[in-house]
Amino acid sequence: MAAKLKTELVQLRLTPLEKEKLKTLADQNQKSLSDYIRWLIDRESLKSN
């Protein structure tokens, strides 16, 4: 039985500098930009709880 993933649509507002920093991190660590965005969302949700 396949696991069902929960997905949510979120909207982020990043400054051009923030976006460039995320792109640089993604390139350095060979991860996708979406991986870092997910990490940011998870981190922010933990802060709010």
N, C-alpha and C. Protein backbone atom coordinates (compact mmCIF):
# COMPACT_ATOMS: atom_id res chain seq x y z
N MET A 1 0.85 -1.18 0.00
CA MET A 1 0.00 0.00 0.00
C MET A 1 0.89 1.25 0.00
N ALA A 2 0.68 2.12 -0.94
CA ALA A 2 1.50 3.32 -1.07
C ALA A 2 1.09 4.35 -0.03
N ALA A 3 2.08 5.04 0.49
CA ALA A 3 1.81 6.10 1.46
C ALA A 3 1.25 7.32 0.73
N LYS A 4 0.29 7.96 1.35
CA LYS A 4 -0.31 9.15 0.76
C LYS A 4 0.37 10.37 1.37
N LEU A 5 0.95 11.20 0.51
CA LEU A 5 1.64 12.38 0.99
C LEU A 5 0.68 13.56 1.10
N LYS A 6 0.87 14.33 2.14
CA LYS A 6 0.06 15.54 2.33
C LYS A 6 0.78 16.68 1.62
N THR A 7 0.08 17.38 0.76
CA THR A 7 0.68 18.51 0.06
C THR A 7 -0.13 19.76 0.35
N GLU A 8 0.57 20.87 0.40
CA GLU A 8 -0.07 22.16 0.62
C GLU A 8 0.54 23.17 -0.34
N LEU A 9 -0.28 24.07 -0.81
CA LEU A 9 0.21 25.14 -1.65
C LEU A 9 0.56 26.32 -0.75
N VAL A 10 1.78 26.78 -0.84
CA VAL A 10 2.20 27.93 -0.04
C VAL A 10 2.78 28.99 -0.96
N GLN A 11 2.75 30.20 -0.48
CA GLN A 11 3.29 31.31 -1.25
C GLN A 11 4.36 31.99 -0.41
N LEU A 12 5.53 32.17 -1.01
CA LEU A 12 6.64 32.81 -0.31
C LEU A 12 6.99 34.11 -1.00
N ARG A 13 7.41 35.05 -0.22
CA ARG A 13 7.93 36.30 -0.77
C ARG A 13 9.39 36.40 -0.34
N LEU A 14 10.26 36.31 -1.32
CA LEU A 14 11.69 36.41 -1.06
C LEU A 14 12.23 37.65 -1.75
N THR A 15 13.15 38.31 -1.09
CA THR A 15 13.84 39.41 -1.75
C THR A 15 14.79 38.80 -2.78
N PRO A 16 15.21 39.59 -3.76
CA PRO A 16 16.18 39.06 -4.73
C PRO A 16 17.45 38.54 -4.05
N LEU A 17 17.88 39.19 -2.98
CA LEU A 17 19.08 38.75 -2.26
C LEU A 17 18.84 37.40 -1.58
N GLU A 18 17.67 37.24 -0.95
CA GLU A 18 17.34 35.96 -0.31
C GLU A 18 17.28 34.84 -1.34
N LYS A 19 16.67 35.13 -2.47
CA LYS A 19 16.55 34.13 -3.53
C LYS A 19 17.94 33.73 -4.04
N GLU A 20 18.81 34.69 -4.22
CA GLU A 20 20.16 34.42 -4.70
C GLU A 20 20.94 33.58 -3.68
N LYS A 21 20.78 33.90 -2.39
CA LYS A 21 21.44 33.10 -1.35
C LYS A 21 20.97 31.66 -1.37
N LEU A 22 19.66 31.45 -1.53
CA LEU A 22 19.11 30.09 -1.61
C LEU A 22 19.65 29.35 -2.83
N LYS A 23 19.72 30.04 -3.96
CA LYS A 23 20.26 29.41 -5.17
C LYS A 23 21.71 29.01 -4.96
N THR A 24 22.49 29.88 -4.32
CA THR A 24 23.90 29.58 -4.06
C THR A 24 24.04 28.37 -3.15
N LEU A 25 23.25 28.33 -2.07
CA LEU A 25 23.27 27.17 -1.17
C LEU A 25 22.91 25.89 -1.90
N ALA A 26 21.88 25.96 -2.73
CA ALA A 26 21.44 24.78 -3.47
C ALA A 26 22.54 24.29 -4.41
N ASP A 27 23.21 25.21 -5.07
CA ASP A 27 24.30 24.83 -5.98
C ASP A 27 25.47 24.22 -5.22
N GLN A 28 25.83 24.81 -4.09
CA GLN A 28 26.97 24.32 -3.31
C GLN A 28 26.72 22.92 -2.76
N ASN A 29 25.49 22.66 -2.35
CA ASN A 29 25.18 21.38 -1.71
C ASN A 29 24.48 20.39 -2.63
N GLN A 30 24.40 20.75 -3.92
CA GLN A 30 23.78 19.89 -4.93
C GLN A 30 22.37 19.44 -4.51
N LYS A 31 21.61 20.38 -3.99
CA LYS A 31 20.21 20.13 -3.64
C LYS A 31 19.35 21.08 -4.47
N SER A 32 18.08 20.77 -4.54
CA SER A 32 17.20 21.63 -5.33
C SER A 32 16.76 22.85 -4.50
N LEU A 33 16.40 23.87 -5.21
CA LEU A 33 15.90 25.08 -4.56
C LEU A 33 14.63 24.76 -3.77
N SER A 34 13.81 23.87 -4.28
CA SER A 34 12.57 23.50 -3.57
C SER A 34 12.87 22.80 -2.25
N ASP A 35 13.99 22.05 -2.17
CA ASP A 35 14.38 21.43 -0.90
C ASP A 35 14.64 22.50 0.17
N TYR A 36 15.32 23.56 -0.23
CA TYR A 36 15.60 24.63 0.73
C TYR A 36 14.34 25.40 1.09
N ILE A 37 13.44 25.57 0.14
CA ILE A 37 12.18 26.24 0.45
C ILE A 37 11.36 25.42 1.43
N ARG A 38 11.33 24.09 1.23
CA ARG A 38 10.63 23.22 2.18
C ARG A 38 11.25 23.34 3.57
N TRP A 39 12.57 23.38 3.61
CA TRP A 39 13.28 23.51 4.89
C TRP A 39 12.88 24.81 5.59
N LEU A 40 12.83 25.91 4.83
CA LEU A 40 12.42 27.20 5.41
C LEU A 40 11.00 27.15 5.96
N ILE A 41 10.11 26.54 5.20
CA ILE A 41 8.71 26.43 5.64
C ILE A 41 8.63 25.61 6.92
N ASP A 42 9.33 24.48 6.95
CA ASP A 42 9.32 23.64 8.15
C ASP A 42 9.88 24.39 9.35
N ARG A 43 10.96 25.11 9.14
CA ARG A 43 11.60 25.87 10.22
C ARG A 43 10.66 26.94 10.76
N GLU A 44 9.99 27.66 9.87
CA GLU A 44 9.06 28.71 10.29
C GLU A 44 7.85 28.12 11.02
N SER A 45 7.38 26.97 10.57
CA SER A 45 6.22 26.37 11.24
C SER A 45 6.59 25.90 12.65
N LEU A 46 7.83 25.46 12.83
CA LEU A 46 8.27 25.06 14.17
C LEU A 46 8.37 26.27 15.10
N LYS A 47 8.81 27.40 14.55
CA LYS A 47 8.91 28.63 15.35
C LYS A 47 7.54 29.09 15.83
N SER A 48 6.53 28.94 14.99
CA SER A 48 5.21 29.46 15.34
C SER A 48 4.46 28.56 16.32
N ASN A 49 4.94 27.34 16.51
CA ASN A 49 4.26 26.42 17.45
C ASN A 49 4.78 26.54 18.85
